[in-house]
Amino acid sequence: MVQGRSLTAQDIVFLSQLIKQNPSWSRRRLSIKLCYLWNWRNAAGQIKDMAARAMMHKLDKLGYIKLPPRRQQPSNRMRTNRTDWVAHQTIPVDCELNQIQPLQVIVARKHPKHEALFTCLLSKYHYLGYRGIVGENMKYLVFDRHQRPLACVLFGSAAWSVQCRDHYIGWDADTRRQNLNQLNCYLCFSQECPLSLMH
């Protein structure tokens, strides 16, 4: 099992032949072609290019295949990304929930200013900071009736395998493979997160 796929010996041979038959192709082009050939897609129908590339990299490290050399050294955007400050209300909101309703939940990625605010809030206030997101995700901002930001919520792809989670749910490996795309994890920043009051 590599990157959520059960690979057979025939799969390894197929991948090796794909690489040998296309010596001028980059790793990215190979991973995209492999996704189309294997119909490797997420629940939204998009090809899983990064998962395919990660799988090939692991197989290369294990000696099962021989990838072409990297064409460029990937920059570590997690380290080099600079988070811009976005002006926002920083005075603590200390009142009953009904005093600031109605709350407004906004999809952050629909507008650049909301996405920038989302990034700023997580970077500034979350104890882990914010260095970027990997995989599928959904970002939401929560505002009160006065347009003050109260929370930002990030739903991301669930980790492939978490023993305690899988045991608690009662999943074996096959069940996890069939149902993982229905599971998300979330990261929340808030001042006494109002979402916790709404559960």
Protein backbone atom coordinates (compact mmCIF):
# COMPACT_ATOMS: atom_id res chain seq x y z
CA MET A 1 0.00 0.00 0.00
CA VAL A 2 1.55 3.30 -1.15
CA GLN A 3 -0.33 6.64 -1.03
CA GLY A 4 -3.58 4.78 -0.51
CA ARG A 5 -3.14 2.43 -3.46
CA SER A 6 -2.59 -1.32 -3.36
CA LEU A 7 0.14 -1.92 -5.92
CA THR A 8 0.77 -5.23 -7.63
CA ALA A 9 3.99 -6.42 -9.28
CA GLN A 10 2.29 -5.73 -12.63
CA ASP A 11 1.68 -2.12 -11.56
CA ILE A 12 5.38 -1.66 -10.81
CA VAL A 13 6.35 -3.16 -14.18
CA PHE A 14 3.81 -0.92 -15.93
CA LEU A 15 5.18 2.18 -14.22
CA SER A 16 8.79 1.22 -15.00
CA GLN A 17 7.87 0.76 -18.67
CA LEU A 18 6.08 4.13 -18.75
CA ILE A 19 9.26 5.81 -17.47
CA LYS A 20 11.55 3.94 -19.90
CA GLN A 21 9.32 4.63 -22.90
CA ASN A 22 9.29 8.37 -22.15
CA PRO A 23 12.84 9.29 -21.10
CA SER A 24 12.36 13.00 -21.83
CA TRP A 25 9.32 13.38 -19.58
CA SER A 26 9.49 15.21 -16.28
CA ARG A 27 8.33 13.65 -13.04
CA ARG A 28 5.26 15.88 -13.15
CA ARG A 29 4.32 14.81 -16.67
CA LEU A 30 4.73 11.17 -15.68
CA SER A 31 2.51 11.55 -12.63
CA ILE A 32 -0.21 13.32 -14.64
CA LYS A 33 -0.14 10.64 -17.34
CA LEU A 34 -0.29 7.92 -14.70
CA CYS A 35 -3.36 9.53 -13.12
CA TYR A 36 -5.15 9.48 -16.47
CA LEU A 37 -4.10 5.92 -17.26
CA TRP A 38 -5.18 4.61 -13.86
CA ASN A 39 -8.13 7.01 -13.58
CA TRP A 40 -6.72 8.11 -10.21
CA ARG A 41 -9.05 10.89 -9.11
CA ASN A 42 -10.47 12.39 -5.95
CA ALA A 43 -14.17 12.51 -5.10
CA ALA A 44 -14.53 15.76 -7.08
CA GLY A 45 -13.15 14.06 -10.20
CA GLN A 46 -9.79 15.88 -10.21
CA ILE A 47 -6.65 13.88 -10.92
CA LYS A 48 -4.51 13.13 -7.85
CA ASP A 49 -1.28 14.38 -9.36
CA MET A 50 0.50 15.09 -6.05
CA ALA A 51 -0.43 11.68 -4.64
CA ALA A 52 0.86 10.00 -7.79
CA ARG A 53 4.11 11.94 -7.62
CA ALA A 54 4.56 11.12 -3.93
CA MET A 55 3.92 7.44 -4.67
CA MET A 56 6.53 7.42 -7.47
CA HIS A 57 9.04 9.16 -5.21
CA LYS A 58 8.54 6.52 -2.51
CA LEU A 59 8.90 3.69 -5.03
CA ASP A 60 12.07 5.31 -6.36
CA LYS A 61 13.53 5.58 -2.84
CA LEU A 62 12.70 1.92 -2.21
CA GLY A 63 14.45 0.92 -5.45
CA TYR A 64 11.37 -0.41 -7.27
CA ILE A 65 11.57 2.17 -10.08
CA LYS A 66 14.11 4.68 -11.36
CA LEU A 67 12.72 8.18 -11.80
CA PRO A 68 14.35 10.75 -14.07
CA PRO A 69 16.42 13.40 -12.28
CA ARG A 70 14.59 16.40 -10.90
CA ARG A 71 14.54 19.26 -13.37
CA GLN A 72 14.44 21.88 -10.66
CA GLN A 73 14.90 21.78 -6.94
CA PRO A 74 11.50 22.46 -5.39
CA SER A 75 11.47 25.60 -3.30
CA ASN A 76 10.29 25.15 0.24
CA ARG A 77 7.34 27.50 0.10
CA MET A 78 6.44 26.55 3.66
CA ARG A 79 9.58 28.36 4.81
CA THR A 80 9.71 31.17 2.29
CA ASN A 81 6.05 32.18 2.34
CA ARG A 82 5.58 35.51 4.06
CA THR A 83 2.19 36.19 5.56
CA ASP A 84 0.99 39.73 4.97
CA TRP A 85 -0.75 41.57 7.79
CA VAL A 86 -4.43 42.25 7.11
CA ALA A 87 -6.07 44.91 9.26
CA HIS A 88 -8.86 43.49 11.43
CA GLN A 89 -10.63 44.11 14.72
CA THR A 90 -8.45 42.82 17.58
CA ILE A 91 -10.50 43.93 20.59
CA PRO A 92 -11.81 40.80 22.35
CA VAL A 93 -15.50 40.09 21.83
CA ASP A 94 -16.94 39.42 25.30
CA CYS A 95 -20.72 39.11 25.25
CA GLU A 96 -23.59 36.70 24.85
CA LEU A 97 -23.86 35.05 21.46
CA ASN A 98 -27.33 36.48 20.82
CA GLN A 99 -25.90 40.01 21.12
CA ILE A 100 -23.71 39.58 18.01
CA GLN A 101 -26.04 37.51 15.88
CA PRO A 102 -26.72 36.92 13.11
CA LEU A 103 -23.36 35.34 12.39
CA GLN A 104 -22.13 35.20 8.82
CA VAL A 105 -20.14 32.21 7.56
CA ILE A 106 -18.19 32.98 4.38
CA VAL A 107 -16.22 30.70 2.06
CA ALA A 108 -12.80 32.38 2.25
CA ARG A 109 -11.47 31.35 -1.15
CA LYS A 110 -14.27 33.10 -3.03
CA HIS A 111 -12.66 36.50 -2.51
CA PRO A 112 -8.92 37.36 -2.31
CA LYS A 113 -9.40 39.73 0.65
CA HIS A 114 -11.13 37.00 2.68
CA GLU A 115 -8.45 34.45 1.82
CA ALA A 116 -5.75 36.93 2.86
CA LEU A 117 -7.54 37.60 6.15
CA PHE A 118 -7.93 33.87 6.77
CA THR A 119 -4.19 33.33 6.26
CA CYS A 120 -3.33 36.29 8.49
CA LEU A 121 -5.59 35.11 11.34
CA LEU A 122 -4.25 31.55 11.40
CA SER A 123 -0.66 32.73 11.05
CA LYS A 124 -1.02 35.27 13.86
CA TYR A 125 -3.24 33.49 16.37
CA HIS A 126 -3.09 29.71 15.95
CA TYR A 127 -0.52 28.08 18.21
CA LEU A 128 0.93 26.13 15.27
CA GLY A 129 0.99 29.15 13.00
CA TYR A 130 0.17 28.76 9.34
CA ARG A 131 2.62 27.60 6.68
CA GLY A 132 0.27 26.51 3.93
CA ILE A 133 -2.16 23.71 3.20
CA VAL A 134 -1.59 20.39 1.47
CA GLY A 135 -4.42 18.49 -0.19
CA GLU A 136 -8.09 19.24 -0.57
CA ASN A 137 -9.46 21.83 1.81
CA MET A 138 -12.30 24.22 2.58
CA LYS A 139 -11.74 27.53 4.37
CA TYR A 140 -14.42 29.51 6.17
CA LEU A 141 -14.48 32.83 8.01
CA VAL A 142 -17.10 33.63 10.65
CA PHE A 143 -18.11 37.26 11.20
CA ASP A 144 -20.52 38.78 13.70
CA ARG A 145 -23.27 41.31 12.88
CA HIS A 146 -20.70 44.13 13.06
CA GLN A 147 -18.39 42.41 10.52
CA ARG A 148 -15.82 41.55 13.19
CA PRO A 149 -13.95 38.28 12.51
CA LEU A 150 -14.78 35.72 15.19
CA ALA A 151 -13.35 32.49 13.80
CA CYS A 152 -11.76 30.82 10.84
CA VAL A 153 -12.27 27.15 10.20
CA LEU A 154 -10.20 24.95 7.93
CA PHE A 155 -11.45 21.54 6.84
CA GLY A 156 -8.72 19.46 5.24
CA SER A 157 -8.16 16.01 3.89
CA ALA A 158 -8.05 13.40 6.62
CA ALA A 159 -4.79 11.63 7.37
CA TRP A 160 -4.59 8.36 5.45
CA SER A 161 -4.06 6.17 8.48
CA VAL A 162 -4.51 6.98 12.16
CA GLN A 163 -4.59 3.82 14.24
CA CYS A 164 -6.59 5.18 17.21
CA ARG A 165 -9.13 6.89 14.89
CA ASP A 166 -9.57 3.83 12.69
CA HIS A 167 -9.95 1.56 15.73
CA TYR A 168 -12.52 3.92 17.29
CA ILE A 169 -14.57 4.07 14.07
CA GLY A 170 -14.20 0.32 13.56
CA TRP A 171 -12.47 0.54 10.19
CA ASP A 172 -10.28 -2.15 8.72
CA ALA A 173 -7.94 -1.28 5.83
CA ASP A 174 -10.54 -1.97 3.08
CA THR A 175 -13.28 0.04 4.79
CA ARG A 176 -10.90 2.96 5.32
CA ARG A 177 -9.90 2.93 1.65
CA GLN A 178 -13.57 3.07 0.58
CA ASN A 179 -14.67 5.77 3.02
CA LEU A 180 -11.71 8.06 3.76
CA ASN A 181 -12.86 10.68 1.26
CA GLN A 182 -15.94 11.24 3.42
CA LEU A 183 -13.86 12.13 6.46
CA ASN A 184 -12.34 15.55 7.12
CA CYS A 185 -10.33 17.07 9.91
CA TYR A 186 -10.64 20.66 11.01
CA LEU A 187 -8.48 23.37 12.47
CA CYS A 188 -10.18 26.27 14.16
CA PHE A 189 -9.03 29.69 15.36
CA SER A 190 -11.39 31.74 17.43
CA GLN A 191 -11.95 34.01 20.37
CA GLU A 192 -14.09 31.51 22.30
CA CYS A 193 -15.07 29.99 18.97
CA PRO A 194 -18.78 30.66 18.31
CA LEU A 195 -18.95 27.49 16.25
CA SER A 196 -18.47 25.51 19.44
CA LEU A 197 -21.56 27.24 20.80
CA MET A 198 -23.56 26.24 17.76
CA HIS A 199 -22.84 22.50 17.83
